[in-house]
Amino acid sequence: MKLIQLIMQFRKKTSIGNSTNLVRLSIKIIAVLLILFSIIVLVDKIDFPSPNKQIEKNIPNENFKVVK
């Protein structure tokens, strides 16, 4: 009798399942990767100016300290 009662009882399923959690997680990961890729592409398209002449500065040896 208890077996029939357990089988016939209504059980409310509150969660859809683990598969939807996996799908949501994968969508979030793909979205983050897509945003990072977009940022990298946009930064690569910016043309940063490069210096026209080579920068040279002579540093005298007296400013250095020898650390042993």
Protein backbone atom coordinates (compact mmCIF):
# COMPACT_ATOMS: atom_id res chain seq x y z
CA MET A 1 0.00 0.00 0.00
CA LYS A 2 2.86 2.40 0.85
CA LEU A 3 4.51 1.66 -2.49
CA ILE A 4 1.38 2.61 -4.41
CA GLN A 5 1.03 5.74 -2.30
CA LEU A 6 4.63 6.78 -3.01
CA ILE A 7 4.20 6.22 -6.73
CA MET A 8 0.87 8.00 -6.98
CA GLN A 9 1.89 11.03 -4.91
CA PHE A 10 2.24 14.33 -6.69
CA ARG A 11 5.76 15.69 -6.51
CA LYS A 12 6.37 19.23 -7.53
CA LYS A 13 9.59 19.63 -9.43
CA THR A 14 10.93 23.03 -8.43
CA SER A 15 14.04 22.99 -10.58
CA ILE A 16 14.15 22.23 -14.27
CA GLY A 17 17.36 20.27 -13.94
CA ASN A 18 21.12 20.34 -14.07
CA SER A 19 21.19 20.64 -17.85
CA THR A 20 19.76 24.17 -17.76
CA ASN A 21 22.35 25.19 -15.19
CA LEU A 22 25.06 23.90 -17.51
CA VAL A 23 23.56 25.80 -20.44
CA ARG A 24 23.37 29.02 -18.43
CA LEU A 25 26.96 28.63 -17.29
CA SER A 26 28.20 27.99 -20.80
CA ILE A 27 26.28 31.02 -22.12
CA LYS A 28 27.86 33.22 -19.45
CA ILE A 29 31.35 31.91 -20.23
CA ILE A 30 30.84 32.48 -23.96
CA ALA A 31 29.55 36.01 -23.30
CA VAL A 32 32.59 36.88 -21.16
CA LEU A 33 34.99 35.49 -23.76
CA LEU A 34 33.20 37.40 -26.51
CA ILE A 35 33.45 40.66 -24.55
CA LEU A 36 37.17 40.09 -23.88
CA PHE A 37 37.79 39.31 -27.56
CA SER A 38 35.91 42.47 -28.58
CA ILE A 39 37.96 44.59 -26.19
CA ILE A 40 41.22 43.13 -27.57
CA VAL A 41 40.14 43.82 -31.16
CA LEU A 42 39.09 47.39 -30.36
CA VAL A 43 42.35 48.17 -28.53
CA ASP A 44 44.30 46.68 -31.43
CA LYS A 45 42.56 49.02 -33.88
CA ILE A 46 43.64 52.13 -31.95
CA ASP A 47 46.72 53.62 -33.55
CA PHE A 48 48.96 54.71 -30.69
CA PRO A 49 51.63 57.23 -31.69
CA SER A 50 55.20 56.04 -31.59
CA PRO A 51 58.11 58.35 -30.81
CA ASN A 52 59.80 59.81 -33.86
CA LYS A 53 63.29 59.95 -32.43
CA GLN A 54 65.20 57.51 -30.30
CA ILE A 55 65.38 58.55 -26.65
CA GLU A 56 68.84 58.40 -25.18
CA LYS A 57 69.89 59.53 -21.75
CA ASN A 58 73.38 59.16 -20.36
CA ILE A 59 73.41 58.16 -16.72
CA PRO A 60 76.65 58.81 -14.86
CA ASN A 61 78.17 55.89 -12.99
CA GLU A 62 78.39 57.79 -9.71
CA ASN A 63 74.63 57.49 -9.13
CA PHE A 64 74.73 53.72 -8.98
CA LYS A 65 75.20 51.88 -5.70
CA VAL A 66 76.81 48.45 -5.58
CA VAL A 67 74.69 45.96 -3.65
CA LYS A 68 76.27 42.69 -2.59
